[in-house]
C-alpha cells in the first residue's frame, strides 16, 4: 500500500470499514489502493465504488469494453495519471487481443494523435475526451452533435461522458494523494 496519506489495513478496520472494503474487492480478492485510499472515510469509499461501477462496469453500457478502457486510458494519459493508466491500459490491451494494434494505439495516444489509429465514431470519442479533459469550459453543443454525426446515440454519448468525467475525478484523487500501484494486482484481467 502506498499513498501520501494513511491507508488502513483490513486488520485495522472496524465493521463499517470492513463492509465498505467488501464492496470494493477485486476479482482477485484484494482492495486496490485506488479504493483503499478512502479507508479513513468509508462513505467516500462507498461513493467511489458506486461511481466507478456505474461509469465503467454497468451491464447497460453498449460501447465495446476495449473502447471504454481506451477512452479511460487516454484521459489518464492526458492527466498524467500513471496509476489509472497502468490498470486501464492493461485492460484495454487485454480486450483488444491484438498486441501489434495495441502497441500502435498506445503510441498514438501517448503522442496525443489518436487520428493516426482511429477514425469515425472511435476517433470522435477520443477527440471529445481530449477536449472535455483539457478544456472543459470550452465545450459547446456542437461537440455532442459531432458525436451524433459520427454515429453515436445519446446513450453512448452519456456513457462516454461518464467515463471521461469519472477518470478526470479519479486521476485527480490519485495524483493529489500520491497513490501508487505498490501492492496492487494491476489490471482487472490480470492472470487471464
N, C-alpha and C. Protein backbone atom coordinates (compact mmCIF):
# COMPACT_ATOMS: atom_id res chain seq x y z
N UNK A 1 0.86 -1.19 0.00
CA UNK A 1 0.00 0.00 0.00
C UNK A 1 0.89 1.23 0.00
N UNK A 2 0.55 2.16 -0.88
CA UNK A 2 1.38 3.35 -0.95
C UNK A 2 0.56 4.57 -1.35
N UNK A 3 0.61 5.59 -0.50
CA UNK A 3 -0.02 6.89 -0.75
C UNK A 3 0.60 7.89 0.21
N UNK A 4 0.30 9.14 -0.01
CA UNK A 4 0.83 10.18 0.87
C UNK A 4 0.01 10.34 2.14
N UNK A 5 -1.13 9.67 2.23
CA UNK A 5 -1.92 9.66 3.46
C UNK A 5 -2.01 8.23 3.96
N UNK A 6 -2.41 8.10 5.21
CA UNK A 6 -2.52 6.78 5.84
C UNK A 6 -3.68 6.01 5.21
N UNK A 7 -3.43 4.74 4.93
CA UNK A 7 -4.47 3.82 4.48
C UNK A 7 -4.57 2.69 5.49
N UNK A 8 -5.78 2.38 5.91
CA UNK A 8 -5.98 1.34 6.92
C UNK A 8 -5.95 -0.04 6.29
N UNK A 9 -5.26 -0.94 6.95
CA UNK A 9 -5.24 -2.35 6.55
C UNK A 9 -6.53 -3.01 7.04
N UNK A 10 -6.84 -4.17 6.50
CA UNK A 10 -8.03 -4.90 6.93
C UNK A 10 -8.02 -5.15 8.44
N UNK A 11 -6.85 -5.46 8.98
CA UNK A 11 -6.79 -5.78 10.42
C UNK A 11 -6.95 -4.54 11.30
N UNK A 12 -6.98 -3.35 10.70
CA UNK A 12 -7.21 -2.11 11.45
C UNK A 12 -8.65 -1.61 11.29
N UNK A 13 -9.43 -2.27 10.46
CA UNK A 13 -10.75 -1.77 10.07
C UNK A 13 -11.83 -2.16 11.08
N UNK A 14 -12.74 -1.21 11.33
CA UNK A 14 -13.92 -1.53 12.12
C UNK A 14 -14.97 -2.15 11.19
N UNK A 15 -16.13 -2.50 11.74
CA UNK A 15 -17.16 -3.17 10.93
C UNK A 15 -17.65 -2.31 9.77
N UNK A 16 -17.78 -1.00 10.00
CA UNK A 16 -18.24 -0.09 8.95
C UNK A 16 -17.26 -0.09 7.77
N UNK A 17 -15.98 0.02 8.08
CA UNK A 17 -14.98 0.00 7.01
C UNK A 17 -14.91 -1.37 6.35
N UNK A 18 -14.99 -2.45 7.13
CA UNK A 18 -14.95 -3.79 6.53
C UNK A 18 -16.10 -3.99 5.55
N UNK A 19 -17.27 -3.46 5.86
CA UNK A 19 -18.40 -3.54 4.93
C UNK A 19 -18.10 -2.78 3.64
N UNK A 20 -17.52 -1.59 3.76
CA UNK A 20 -17.17 -0.79 2.59
C UNK A 20 -16.06 -1.47 1.78
N UNK A 21 -15.08 -2.03 2.46
CA UNK A 21 -14.00 -2.74 1.77
C UNK A 21 -14.53 -3.96 1.02
N UNK A 22 -15.52 -4.63 1.60
CA UNK A 22 -16.11 -5.81 0.94
C UNK A 22 -16.72 -5.42 -0.41
N UNK A 23 -17.28 -4.22 -0.50
CA UNK A 23 -17.87 -3.75 -1.76
C UNK A 23 -16.81 -3.51 -2.84
N UNK A 24 -15.60 -3.23 -2.41
CA UNK A 24 -14.57 -2.80 -3.35
C UNK A 24 -13.54 -3.88 -3.68
N UNK A 25 -13.76 -5.09 -3.22
CA UNK A 25 -12.79 -6.15 -3.50
C UNK A 25 -12.79 -6.49 -5.00
N UNK A 26 -11.59 -6.71 -5.51
CA UNK A 26 -11.42 -7.05 -6.93
C UNK A 26 -11.73 -8.52 -7.14
N UNK A 27 -11.77 -8.96 -8.40
CA UNK A 27 -11.93 -10.39 -8.66
C UNK A 27 -10.79 -11.21 -8.06
N UNK A 28 -9.68 -10.57 -7.76
CA UNK A 28 -8.53 -11.24 -7.15
C UNK A 28 -8.67 -11.33 -5.63
N UNK A 29 -9.74 -10.70 -5.08
CA UNK A 29 -9.98 -10.73 -3.64
C UNK A 29 -9.26 -9.65 -2.86
N UNK A 30 -8.62 -8.72 -3.56
CA UNK A 30 -7.86 -7.65 -2.91
C UNK A 30 -8.63 -6.33 -3.01
N UNK A 31 -8.15 -5.34 -2.29
CA UNK A 31 -8.67 -3.98 -2.40
C UNK A 31 -7.54 -3.13 -2.95
N UNK A 32 -7.74 -2.62 -4.17
CA UNK A 32 -6.70 -1.80 -4.78
C UNK A 32 -6.55 -0.48 -4.05
N UNK A 33 -5.36 0.08 -4.14
CA UNK A 33 -5.06 1.35 -3.46
C UNK A 33 -5.99 2.48 -3.88
N UNK A 34 -6.48 2.47 -5.13
CA UNK A 34 -7.41 3.50 -5.59
C UNK A 34 -8.65 3.56 -4.69
N UNK A 35 -9.05 2.42 -4.14
CA UNK A 35 -10.19 2.37 -3.23
C UNK A 35 -9.73 2.46 -1.77
N UNK A 36 -8.65 1.77 -1.44
CA UNK A 36 -8.20 1.76 -0.05
C UNK A 36 -7.81 3.16 0.44
N UNK A 37 -7.42 4.04 -0.46
CA UNK A 37 -7.04 5.39 -0.04
C UNK A 37 -8.22 6.10 0.65
N UNK A 38 -9.42 5.61 0.44
CA UNK A 38 -10.62 6.17 1.10
C UNK A 38 -10.88 5.56 2.47
N UNK A 39 -10.01 4.70 2.94
CA UNK A 39 -10.30 3.91 4.14
C UNK A 39 -10.56 4.75 5.40
N UNK A 40 -10.04 5.95 5.45
CA UNK A 40 -10.31 6.81 6.62
C UNK A 40 -11.72 7.39 6.59
N UNK A 41 -12.40 7.29 5.43
CA UNK A 41 -13.77 7.78 5.27
C UNK A 41 -14.57 6.75 4.47
N UNK A 42 -15.13 5.74 5.14
CA UNK A 42 -15.84 4.66 4.44
C UNK A 42 -16.98 5.15 3.52
N UNK A 43 -17.63 6.24 3.87
CA UNK A 43 -18.70 6.73 2.99
C UNK A 43 -18.14 7.20 1.66
N UNK A 44 -16.97 7.79 1.68
CA UNK A 44 -16.29 8.19 0.44
C UNK A 44 -15.94 6.95 -0.39
N UNK A 45 -15.49 5.90 0.26
CA UNK A 45 -15.18 4.64 -0.41
C UNK A 45 -16.42 4.07 -1.08
N UNK A 46 -17.54 4.04 -0.37
CA UNK A 46 -18.78 3.52 -0.95
C UNK A 46 -19.20 4.34 -2.18
N UNK A 47 -19.10 5.66 -2.07
CA UNK A 47 -19.46 6.51 -3.19
C UNK A 47 -18.55 6.28 -4.39
N UNK A 48 -17.28 6.12 -4.14
CA UNK A 48 -16.33 5.90 -5.23
C UNK A 48 -16.61 4.57 -5.94
N UNK A 49 -16.85 3.52 -5.18
CA UNK A 49 -17.15 2.21 -5.77
C UNK A 49 -18.40 2.31 -6.65
N UNK A 50 -19.44 2.96 -6.15
CA UNK A 50 -20.69 3.08 -6.92
C UNK A 50 -20.46 3.86 -8.21
N UNK A 51 -19.74 4.96 -8.12
CA UNK A 51 -19.47 5.78 -9.31
C UNK A 51 -18.64 5.00 -10.33
N UNK A 52 -17.61 4.33 -9.89
CA UNK A 52 -16.75 3.54 -10.77
C UNK A 52 -17.55 2.48 -11.52
N UNK A 53 -18.33 1.73 -10.79
CA UNK A 53 -19.09 0.65 -11.42
C UNK A 53 -20.16 1.19 -12.37
N UNK A 54 -20.79 2.29 -12.02
CA UNK A 54 -21.80 2.88 -12.90
C UNK A 54 -21.17 3.40 -14.19
N UNK A 55 -20.00 3.98 -14.08
CA UNK A 55 -19.35 4.57 -15.26
C UNK A 55 -18.72 3.52 -16.16
N UNK A 56 -18.11 2.50 -15.59
CA UNK A 56 -17.27 1.62 -16.41
C UNK A 56 -17.71 0.16 -16.43
N UNK A 57 -18.45 -0.29 -15.47
CA UNK A 57 -18.78 -1.71 -15.41
C UNK A 57 -20.27 -1.96 -15.27
N UNK A 58 -21.05 -1.18 -15.96
CA UNK A 58 -22.50 -1.35 -15.90
C UNK A 58 -22.96 -2.20 -17.07
N UNK A 59 -23.80 -3.18 -16.80
CA UNK A 59 -24.27 -4.08 -17.86
C UNK A 59 -25.08 -3.38 -18.95
N UNK A 60 -25.59 -2.19 -18.66
CA UNK A 60 -26.38 -1.48 -19.68
C UNK A 60 -25.51 -0.68 -20.65
N UNK A 61 -24.21 -0.55 -20.36
CA UNK A 61 -23.32 0.14 -21.30
C UNK A 61 -23.24 -0.65 -22.59
N UNK A 62 -23.22 0.07 -23.73
CA UNK A 62 -23.17 -0.60 -25.02
C UNK A 62 -21.88 -0.33 -25.79
N UNK A 63 -21.10 0.65 -25.37
CA UNK A 63 -19.80 0.84 -26.02
C UNK A 63 -18.94 -0.39 -25.76
N UNK A 64 -18.18 -0.85 -26.75
CA UNK A 64 -17.32 -2.02 -26.52
C UNK A 64 -16.39 -1.79 -25.32
N UNK A 65 -16.18 -2.83 -24.56
CA UNK A 65 -15.34 -2.71 -23.35
C UNK A 65 -13.94 -2.21 -23.69
N UNK A 66 -13.35 -2.70 -24.78
CA UNK A 66 -11.99 -2.26 -25.13
C UNK A 66 -11.97 -0.75 -25.39
N UNK A 67 -13.06 -0.22 -25.98
CA UNK A 67 -13.12 1.21 -26.26
C UNK A 67 -13.33 2.00 -24.97
N UNK A 68 -14.16 1.49 -24.07
CA UNK A 68 -14.33 2.14 -22.77
C UNK A 68 -12.98 2.26 -22.07
N UNK A 69 -12.23 1.17 -22.06
CA UNK A 69 -10.92 1.15 -21.39
C UNK A 69 -9.92 2.05 -22.13
N UNK A 70 -10.03 2.14 -23.46
CA UNK A 70 -9.14 3.01 -24.23
C UNK A 70 -9.43 4.47 -23.94
N UNK A 71 -10.70 4.83 -23.86
CA UNK A 71 -11.07 6.21 -23.51
C UNK A 71 -10.54 6.52 -22.11
N UNK A 72 -10.73 5.60 -21.17
CA UNK A 72 -10.23 5.79 -19.80
C UNK A 72 -8.71 5.98 -19.81
N UNK A 73 -8.02 5.21 -20.62
CA UNK A 73 -6.57 5.31 -20.71
C UNK A 73 -6.14 6.64 -21.30
N UNK A 74 -6.86 7.10 -22.32
CA UNK A 74 -6.48 8.37 -22.95
C UNK A 74 -6.65 9.53 -21.97
N UNK A 75 -7.75 9.54 -21.24
CA UNK A 75 -7.95 10.57 -20.22
C UNK A 75 -6.81 10.52 -19.21
N UNK A 76 -6.41 9.32 -18.81
CA UNK A 76 -5.32 9.16 -17.84
C UNK A 76 -3.98 9.61 -18.40
N UNK A 77 -3.76 9.40 -19.69
CA UNK A 77 -2.56 9.92 -20.33
C UNK A 77 -2.57 11.44 -20.31
N UNK A 78 -3.70 12.02 -20.69
CA UNK A 78 -3.82 13.48 -20.72
C UNK A 78 -3.59 14.09 -19.35
N UNK A 79 -4.03 13.39 -18.30
CA UNK A 79 -3.88 13.87 -16.93
C UNK A 79 -2.57 13.41 -16.28
N UNK A 80 -1.77 12.66 -17.00
CA UNK A 80 -0.51 12.12 -16.50
C UNK A 80 -0.73 11.34 -15.19
N UNK A 81 -1.73 10.47 -15.21
CA UNK A 81 -2.05 9.65 -14.05
C UNK A 81 -1.53 8.23 -14.30
N UNK A 82 -0.36 7.95 -13.78
CA UNK A 82 0.28 6.66 -14.00
C UNK A 82 -0.54 5.50 -13.43
N UNK A 83 -1.19 5.73 -12.30
CA UNK A 83 -1.96 4.66 -11.66
C UNK A 83 -3.08 4.17 -12.56
N UNK A 84 -3.96 5.09 -12.98
CA UNK A 84 -5.10 4.68 -13.81
C UNK A 84 -4.62 4.14 -15.15
N UNK A 85 -3.61 4.75 -15.71
CA UNK A 85 -3.10 4.29 -17.00
C UNK A 85 -2.59 2.86 -16.89
N UNK A 86 -1.84 2.55 -15.86
CA UNK A 86 -1.31 1.19 -15.71
C UNK A 86 -2.44 0.16 -15.69
N UNK A 87 -3.46 0.43 -14.92
CA UNK A 87 -4.57 -0.51 -14.79
C UNK A 87 -5.43 -0.58 -16.05
N UNK A 88 -5.83 0.56 -16.56
CA UNK A 88 -6.83 0.55 -17.63
C UNK A 88 -6.23 0.31 -19.00
N UNK A 89 -4.95 0.65 -19.18
CA UNK A 89 -4.33 0.26 -20.44
C UNK A 89 -4.09 -1.25 -20.45
N UNK A 90 -3.75 -1.84 -19.32
CA UNK A 90 -3.62 -3.30 -19.26
C UNK A 90 -4.95 -3.95 -19.64
N UNK A 91 -6.05 -3.38 -19.18
CA UNK A 91 -7.38 -3.90 -19.53
C UNK A 91 -7.66 -3.74 -21.02
N UNK A 92 -7.41 -2.54 -21.56
CA UNK A 92 -7.67 -2.29 -22.98
C UNK A 92 -6.84 -3.24 -23.84
N UNK A 93 -5.58 -3.35 -23.52
CA UNK A 93 -4.67 -4.23 -24.28
C UNK A 93 -5.19 -5.67 -24.27
N UNK A 94 -5.59 -6.14 -23.11
CA UNK A 94 -6.12 -7.50 -22.98
C UNK A 94 -7.38 -7.68 -23.84
N UNK A 95 -8.27 -6.72 -23.78
CA UNK A 95 -9.54 -6.82 -24.51
C UNK A 95 -9.38 -6.71 -26.02
N UNK A 96 -8.34 -6.01 -26.47
CA UNK A 96 -8.09 -5.88 -27.91
C UNK A 96 -7.66 -7.20 -28.54
N UNK A 97 -6.97 -8.02 -27.79
CA UNK A 97 -6.49 -9.32 -28.27
C UNK A 97 -5.66 -9.19 -29.55
N UNK A 98 -4.93 -8.08 -29.68
CA UNK A 98 -4.08 -7.84 -30.84
C UNK A 98 -2.91 -6.97 -30.39
N UNK A 99 -1.81 -7.60 -29.94
CA UNK A 99 -0.69 -6.85 -29.38
C UNK A 99 -0.11 -5.79 -30.32
N UNK A 100 -0.02 -6.08 -31.60
CA UNK A 100 0.54 -5.09 -32.54
C UNK A 100 -0.37 -3.87 -32.64
N UNK A 101 -1.66 -4.10 -32.75
CA UNK A 101 -2.62 -2.98 -32.81
C UNK A 101 -2.56 -2.20 -31.49
N UNK A 102 -2.51 -2.90 -30.38
CA UNK A 102 -2.44 -2.24 -29.08
C UNK A 102 -1.19 -1.37 -28.98
N UNK A 103 -0.05 -1.86 -29.46
CA UNK A 103 1.18 -1.06 -29.44
C UNK A 103 1.03 0.22 -30.25
N UNK A 104 0.42 0.09 -31.44
CA UNK A 104 0.23 1.26 -32.31
C UNK A 104 -0.72 2.27 -31.67
N UNK A 105 -1.79 1.77 -31.06
CA UNK A 105 -2.75 2.66 -30.39
C UNK A 105 -2.09 3.35 -29.20
N UNK A 106 -1.35 2.59 -28.42
CA UNK A 106 -0.68 3.17 -27.25
C UNK A 106 0.26 4.30 -27.67
N UNK A 107 1.02 4.09 -28.73
CA UNK A 107 1.95 5.12 -29.21
C UNK A 107 1.18 6.35 -29.68
N UNK A 108 0.08 6.15 -30.39
CA UNK A 108 -0.72 7.29 -30.87
C UNK A 108 -1.33 8.07 -29.71
N UNK A 109 -1.81 7.36 -28.71
CA UNK A 109 -2.41 8.06 -27.55
C UNK A 109 -1.36 8.85 -26.79
N UNK A 110 -0.19 8.27 -26.59
CA UNK A 110 0.87 8.99 -25.88
C UNK A 110 1.34 10.21 -26.67
N UNK A 111 1.24 10.15 -27.98
CA UNK A 111 1.64 11.29 -28.82
C UNK A 111 0.49 12.29 -28.99
N UNK A 112 -0.65 12.00 -28.38
CA UNK A 112 -1.85 12.85 -28.48
C UNK A 112 -2.29 12.98 -29.94
N UNK A 113 -2.13 11.89 -30.69
CA UNK A 113 -2.54 11.86 -32.10
C UNK A 113 -3.41 10.62 -32.35
N UNK A 114 -4.57 10.55 -31.72
CA UNK A 114 -5.40 9.37 -31.93
C UNK A 114 -5.83 9.18 -33.38
N UNK A 115 -5.81 10.26 -34.16
CA UNK A 115 -6.19 10.17 -35.57
C UNK A 115 -5.27 9.25 -36.36
N UNK A 116 -4.10 8.94 -35.83
CA UNK A 116 -3.19 8.00 -36.51
C UNK A 116 -3.75 6.59 -36.52
N UNK A 117 -4.56 6.25 -35.53
CA UNK A 117 -5.04 4.87 -35.40
C UNK A 117 -6.56 4.72 -35.39
N UNK A 118 -7.26 5.83 -35.31
CA UNK A 118 -8.72 5.76 -35.21
C UNK A 118 -9.38 6.60 -36.27
N UNK A 119 -10.63 6.27 -36.54
CA UNK A 119 -11.46 7.09 -37.41
C UNK A 119 -12.91 6.94 -36.96
N UNK A 120 -13.79 7.66 -37.58
CA UNK A 120 -15.21 7.54 -37.31
C UNK A 120 -15.58 7.79 -35.86
N UNK A 121 -16.49 6.98 -35.37
CA UNK A 121 -17.03 7.17 -34.02
C UNK A 121 -15.97 7.02 -32.93
N UNK A 122 -15.02 6.12 -33.13
CA UNK A 122 -13.97 5.93 -32.13
C UNK A 122 -13.09 7.17 -32.02
N UNK A 123 -12.71 7.72 -33.17
CA UNK A 123 -11.91 8.96 -33.15
C UNK A 123 -12.72 10.10 -32.55
N UNK A 124 -13.99 10.19 -32.91
CA UNK A 124 -14.84 11.26 -32.37
C UNK A 124 -14.88 11.21 -30.84
N UNK A 125 -14.97 10.00 -30.28
CA UNK A 125 -14.99 9.86 -28.82
C UNK A 125 -13.68 10.33 -28.19
N UNK A 126 -12.57 10.00 -28.83
CA UNK A 126 -11.27 10.40 -28.28
C UNK A 126 -11.04 11.89 -28.40
N UNK A 127 -11.51 12.49 -29.47
CA UNK A 127 -11.43 13.96 -29.62
C UNK A 127 -12.28 14.63 -28.54
N UNK A 128 -13.48 14.12 -28.33
CA UNK A 128 -14.37 14.62 -27.28
C UNK A 128 -13.71 14.47 -25.91
N UNK A 129 -13.11 13.30 -25.66
CA UNK A 129 -12.44 13.05 -24.37
C UNK A 129 -11.32 14.04 -24.13
N UNK A 130 -10.54 14.33 -25.17
CA UNK A 130 -9.43 15.26 -25.02
C UNK A 130 -9.93 16.67 -24.71
N UNK A 131 -10.94 17.12 -25.43
CA UNK A 131 -11.43 18.47 -25.19
C UNK A 131 -12.07 18.58 -23.81
N UNK A 132 -12.89 17.59 -23.44
CA UNK A 132 -13.56 17.64 -22.14
C UNK A 132 -12.55 17.58 -21.00
N UNK A 133 -11.44 16.87 -21.20
CA UNK A 133 -10.41 16.76 -20.17
C UNK A 133 -9.57 18.03 -20.06
N UNK A 134 -9.14 18.56 -21.20
CA UNK A 134 -8.20 19.67 -21.19
C UNK A 134 -8.85 21.05 -21.24
N UNK A 135 -10.05 21.15 -21.82
CA UNK A 135 -10.71 22.44 -21.98
C UNK A 135 -12.20 22.33 -21.67
N UNK A 136 -12.56 21.90 -20.47
CA UNK A 136 -13.97 21.66 -20.18
C UNK A 136 -14.85 22.90 -20.33
N UNK A 137 -14.31 24.07 -20.07
CA UNK A 137 -15.09 25.30 -20.20
C UNK A 137 -15.35 25.71 -21.63
N UNK A 138 -14.69 25.06 -22.57
CA UNK A 138 -14.87 25.37 -23.99
C UNK A 138 -15.88 24.46 -24.68
N UNK A 139 -16.47 23.53 -23.94
CA UNK A 139 -17.42 22.60 -24.55
C UNK A 139 -18.65 23.35 -25.04
N UNK A 140 -19.13 22.96 -26.21
CA UNK A 140 -20.33 23.55 -26.82
C UNK A 140 -21.21 22.43 -27.36
N UNK A 141 -22.44 22.74 -27.67
CA UNK A 141 -23.38 21.73 -28.17
C UNK A 141 -22.84 21.03 -29.41
N UNK A 142 -22.11 21.74 -30.22
CA UNK A 142 -21.55 21.15 -31.44
C UNK A 142 -20.64 19.96 -31.14
N UNK A 143 -20.02 19.93 -29.96
CA UNK A 143 -19.17 18.80 -29.60
C UNK A 143 -20.00 17.51 -29.50
N UNK A 144 -21.21 17.61 -28.98
CA UNK A 144 -22.10 16.46 -28.90
C UNK A 144 -22.68 16.15 -30.27
N UNK A 145 -23.02 17.18 -31.02
CA UNK A 145 -23.54 16.98 -32.38
C UNK A 145 -22.54 16.21 -33.23
N UNK A 146 -21.26 16.51 -33.07
CA UNK A 146 -20.22 15.78 -33.82
C UNK A 146 -20.21 14.30 -33.46
N UNK A 147 -20.49 13.99 -32.20
CA UNK A 147 -20.56 12.58 -31.80
C UNK A 147 -21.74 11.89 -32.46
N UNK A 148 -22.89 12.56 -32.47
CA UNK A 148 -24.07 12.00 -33.16
C UNK A 148 -23.78 11.81 -34.65
N UNK A 149 -23.17 12.82 -35.25
CA UNK A 149 -22.85 12.75 -36.68
C UNK A 149 -21.89 11.60 -36.99
N UNK A 150 -21.09 11.20 -36.01
CA UNK A 150 -20.15 10.09 -36.18
C UNK A 150 -20.82 8.74 -35.95
N UNK A 151 -22.10 8.76 -35.56
CA UNK A 151 -22.85 7.51 -35.42
C UNK A 151 -23.12 7.06 -34.01
N UNK A 152 -22.83 7.89 -33.02
CA UNK A 152 -23.10 7.53 -31.63
C UNK A 152 -24.50 7.98 -31.24
N UNK A 153 -25.20 7.15 -30.49
CA UNK A 153 -26.51 7.58 -30.00
C UNK A 153 -26.33 8.27 -28.65
N UNK A 154 -27.40 8.88 -28.16
CA UNK A 154 -27.30 9.67 -26.94
C UNK A 154 -26.91 8.83 -25.72
N UNK A 155 -27.34 7.57 -25.67
CA UNK A 155 -26.92 6.71 -24.57
C UNK A 155 -25.43 6.45 -24.58
N UNK A 156 -24.87 6.22 -25.77
CA UNK A 156 -23.43 6.01 -25.89
C UNK A 156 -22.66 7.28 -25.55
N UNK A 157 -23.22 8.42 -25.94
CA UNK A 157 -22.58 9.70 -25.61
C UNK A 157 -22.55 9.89 -24.10
N UNK A 158 -23.66 9.55 -23.44
CA UNK A 158 -23.70 9.65 -21.98
C UNK A 158 -22.69 8.69 -21.34
N UNK A 159 -22.62 7.45 -21.84
CA UNK A 159 -21.62 6.50 -21.32
C UNK A 159 -20.22 7.10 -21.39
N UNK A 160 -19.87 7.60 -22.58
CA UNK A 160 -18.53 8.17 -22.77
C UNK A 160 -18.32 9.35 -21.84
N UNK A 161 -19.31 10.21 -21.73
CA UNK A 161 -19.21 11.38 -20.86
C UNK A 161 -18.95 10.96 -19.41
N UNK A 162 -19.63 9.92 -18.96
CA UNK A 162 -19.45 9.47 -17.58
C UNK A 162 -18.09 8.83 -17.37
N UNK A 163 -17.59 8.10 -18.34
CA UNK A 163 -16.25 7.52 -18.24
C UNK A 163 -15.21 8.63 -18.18
N UNK A 164 -15.35 9.61 -19.06
CA UNK A 164 -14.41 10.73 -19.09
C UNK A 164 -14.47 11.51 -17.77
N UNK A 165 -15.68 11.81 -17.32
CA UNK A 165 -15.85 12.53 -16.07
C UNK A 165 -15.29 11.76 -14.89
N UNK A 166 -15.56 10.45 -14.84
CA UNK A 166 -15.05 9.63 -13.75
C UNK A 166 -13.52 9.65 -13.74
N UNK A 167 -12.90 9.46 -14.90
CA UNK A 167 -11.44 9.39 -14.91
C UNK A 167 -10.80 10.74 -14.62
N UNK A 168 -11.43 11.82 -14.98
CA UNK A 168 -10.91 13.12 -14.57
C UNK A 168 -10.99 13.26 -13.05
N UNK A 169 -12.07 12.76 -12.45
CA UNK A 169 -12.20 12.76 -10.99
C UNK A 169 -11.13 11.89 -10.34
N UNK A 170 -11.06 10.62 -10.76
CA UNK A 170 -10.17 9.69 -10.08
C UNK A 170 -8.71 10.02 -10.33
N UNK A 171 -8.35 10.50 -11.53
CA UNK A 171 -6.96 10.89 -11.79
C UNK A 171 -6.53 11.96 -10.81
N UNK A 172 -7.39 12.91 -10.54
CA UNK A 172 -7.06 13.99 -9.61
C UNK A 172 -6.96 13.47 -8.17
N UNK A 173 -7.84 12.55 -7.80
CA UNK A 173 -7.75 11.94 -6.47
C UNK A 173 -6.42 11.20 -6.31
N UNK A 174 -6.09 10.38 -7.28
CA UNK A 174 -4.86 9.57 -7.21
C UNK A 174 -3.61 10.44 -7.23
N UNK A 175 -3.54 11.36 -8.18
CA UNK A 175 -2.37 12.23 -8.27
C UNK A 175 -2.25 13.12 -7.04
N UNK A 176 -3.38 13.60 -6.54
CA UNK A 176 -3.37 14.52 -5.40
C UNK A 176 -3.01 13.87 -4.08
N UNK A 177 -3.15 12.54 -4.00
CA UNK A 177 -2.81 11.82 -2.77
C UNK A 177 -1.60 10.91 -2.94
N UNK A 178 -0.96 10.97 -4.10
CA UNK A 178 0.26 10.18 -4.32
C UNK A 178 0.04 8.68 -4.28
N UNK A 179 -1.10 8.23 -4.74
CA UNK A 179 -1.42 6.80 -4.71
C UNK A 179 -0.63 6.07 -5.81
N UNK A 180 -0.01 4.96 -5.44
CA UNK A 180 0.73 4.14 -6.40
C UNK A 180 0.12 2.75 -6.48
N UNK A 181 0.58 1.98 -7.45
CA UNK A 181 0.11 0.60 -7.61
C UNK A 181 0.86 -0.38 -6.71
N UNK A 182 1.74 0.11 -5.85
CA UNK A 182 2.51 -0.77 -4.97
C UNK A 182 1.58 -1.68 -4.16
N UNK A 183 1.72 -2.97 -4.35
CA UNK A 183 0.90 -3.94 -3.64
C UNK A 183 -0.38 -4.33 -4.37
N UNK A 184 -0.73 -3.62 -5.43
CA UNK A 184 -1.93 -3.94 -6.21
C UNK A 184 -1.65 -5.04 -7.22
N UNK A 185 -2.70 -5.72 -7.64
CA UNK A 185 -2.66 -6.57 -8.83
C UNK A 185 -3.13 -5.68 -9.97
N UNK A 186 -2.23 -5.32 -10.88
CA UNK A 186 -2.52 -4.34 -11.92
C UNK A 186 -3.35 -4.97 -13.03
N UNK A 187 -4.49 -4.35 -13.32
CA UNK A 187 -5.37 -4.79 -14.40
C UNK A 187 -6.44 -5.74 -13.90
N UNK A 188 -7.65 -5.48 -14.31
CA UNK A 188 -8.82 -6.29 -13.94
C UNK A 188 -8.67 -7.73 -14.41
N UNK A 189 -8.02 -7.91 -15.55
CA UNK A 189 -7.91 -9.21 -16.18
C UNK A 189 -6.58 -9.89 -15.87
N UNK A 190 -5.85 -9.40 -14.91
CA UNK A 190 -4.55 -9.98 -14.56
C UNK A 190 -4.71 -11.47 -14.28
N UNK A 191 -3.85 -12.23 -14.89
CA UNK A 191 -3.89 -13.67 -14.67
C UNK A 191 -4.76 -14.41 -15.66
N UNK A 192 -5.52 -13.68 -16.50
CA UNK A 192 -6.35 -14.36 -17.52
C UNK A 192 -5.47 -14.88 -18.62
